[in-house]
Amino acid sequence: MDLVLTSHRYRERELIEELKGLGDFRRTAFKDVIRGEVEDLEVFLGELGKRHVFALSRVVPIEKCFELSPDHVVEKTQRSCEAPS
């Protein structure tokens, strides 16, 4: 499962260190935002509860992702929001 995590201000490196062994986590181009991948969300959340992860602000599971380009932003956004058939 893909995740977006946010750290408390200026603590993204510390957060990545605190999350070692729980999945694959890396910095993004956005300040205090980390992208991650874990095998099992429930197991990951359970492990977070057992650790002292002080740098973590939020965890957001990613259900669906898609790339946007200025030429196709409206079309791709509409398609991604449609209910599956």
Protein backbone atom coordinates (compact mmCIF):
# COMPACT_ATOMS: atom_id res chain seq x y z
CA MET A 1 0.00 0.00 0.00
CA ASP A 2 1.30 3.44 -0.91
CA LEU A 3 1.23 6.18 1.72
CA VAL A 4 1.82 9.89 2.05
CA LEU A 5 3.17 10.90 5.45
CA THR A 6 3.80 14.32 6.86
CA SER A 7 6.31 15.17 9.52
CA HIS A 8 6.26 17.96 12.01
CA ARG A 9 8.04 21.02 10.63
CA TYR A 10 11.65 20.39 9.55
CA ARG A 11 11.63 16.80 10.85
CA GLU A 12 11.28 14.73 7.67
CA ARG A 13 14.77 13.20 7.98
CA GLU A 14 14.10 12.26 11.58
CA LEU A 15 10.78 10.67 10.55
CA ILE A 16 12.42 8.56 7.87
CA GLU A 17 14.91 7.35 10.48
CA GLU A 18 12.09 6.50 12.96
CA LEU A 19 10.26 4.51 10.26
CA LYS A 20 13.22 2.26 9.37
CA GLY A 21 12.22 -1.37 9.07
CA LEU A 22 8.52 -0.63 8.55
CA GLY A 23 8.58 -0.17 4.77
CA ASP A 24 10.18 1.91 2.03
CA PHE A 25 10.12 5.66 2.78
CA ARG A 26 11.66 8.56 0.86
CA ARG A 27 11.58 12.33 0.79
CA THR A 28 9.60 14.18 -1.84
CA ALA A 29 10.03 17.57 -3.45
CA PHE A 30 7.57 18.97 -0.90
CA LYS A 31 8.73 20.16 2.51
CA ASP A 32 7.84 17.78 5.36
CA VAL A 33 6.11 15.31 2.99
CA ILE A 34 7.29 11.71 2.67
CA ARG A 35 6.16 9.03 0.25
CA GLY A 36 6.09 5.47 1.52
CA GLU A 37 5.16 1.94 0.66
CA VAL A 38 4.22 -0.78 3.15
CA GLU A 39 3.10 -4.37 2.66
CA ASP A 40 0.14 -4.25 5.03
CA LEU A 41 -1.46 -1.03 6.28
CA GLU A 42 -2.93 -2.59 9.44
CA VAL A 43 0.41 -4.12 10.43
CA PHE A 44 2.16 -0.79 9.75
CA LEU A 45 -0.31 1.16 11.88
CA GLY A 46 -0.01 -1.41 14.66
CA GLU A 47 3.78 -1.07 14.65
CA LEU A 48 3.49 2.73 14.72
CA GLY A 49 1.45 2.39 17.91
CA LYS A 50 4.27 0.38 19.53
CA ARG A 51 7.05 2.83 18.64
CA HIS A 52 7.80 6.36 19.73
CA VAL A 53 7.49 8.12 16.36
CA PHE A 54 7.58 11.73 17.53
CA ALA A 55 8.28 13.32 14.13
CA LEU A 56 5.08 11.94 12.52
CA SER A 57 2.18 14.30 11.93
CA ARG A 58 -0.15 12.40 9.57
CA VAL A 59 -0.45 9.17 7.57
CA VAL A 60 -2.64 9.12 4.46
CA PRO A 61 -3.18 5.87 2.52
CA ILE A 62 -3.19 6.28 -1.27
CA GLU A 63 -5.99 4.31 -2.90
CA LYS A 64 -5.46 5.58 -6.43
CA CYS A 65 -2.86 7.73 -8.10
CA PHE A 66 -2.36 9.18 -11.55
CA GLU A 67 -0.04 11.61 -13.26
CA LEU A 68 -1.25 15.01 -14.39
CA SER A 69 -0.10 17.19 -17.22
CA PRO A 70 -1.41 20.67 -17.99
CA ASP A 71 -2.82 19.46 -21.30
CA HIS A 72 -4.96 16.69 -19.79
CA VAL A 73 -5.61 17.67 -16.17
CA VAL A 74 -9.41 18.01 -16.44
CA GLU A 75 -9.87 14.82 -18.45
CA LYS A 76 -7.66 12.68 -16.18
CA THR A 77 -9.18 14.08 -13.00
CA GLN A 78 -12.71 13.37 -14.19
CA ARG A 79 -11.77 9.85 -15.24
CA SER A 80 -10.12 9.08 -11.91
CA CYS A 81 -13.20 10.23 -9.99
CA GLU A 82 -15.64 8.06 -11.95
CA ALA A 83 -17.03 5.01 -10.23
CA PRO A 84 -15.65 1.70 -11.51
CA SER A 85 -17.92 -0.25 -13.84
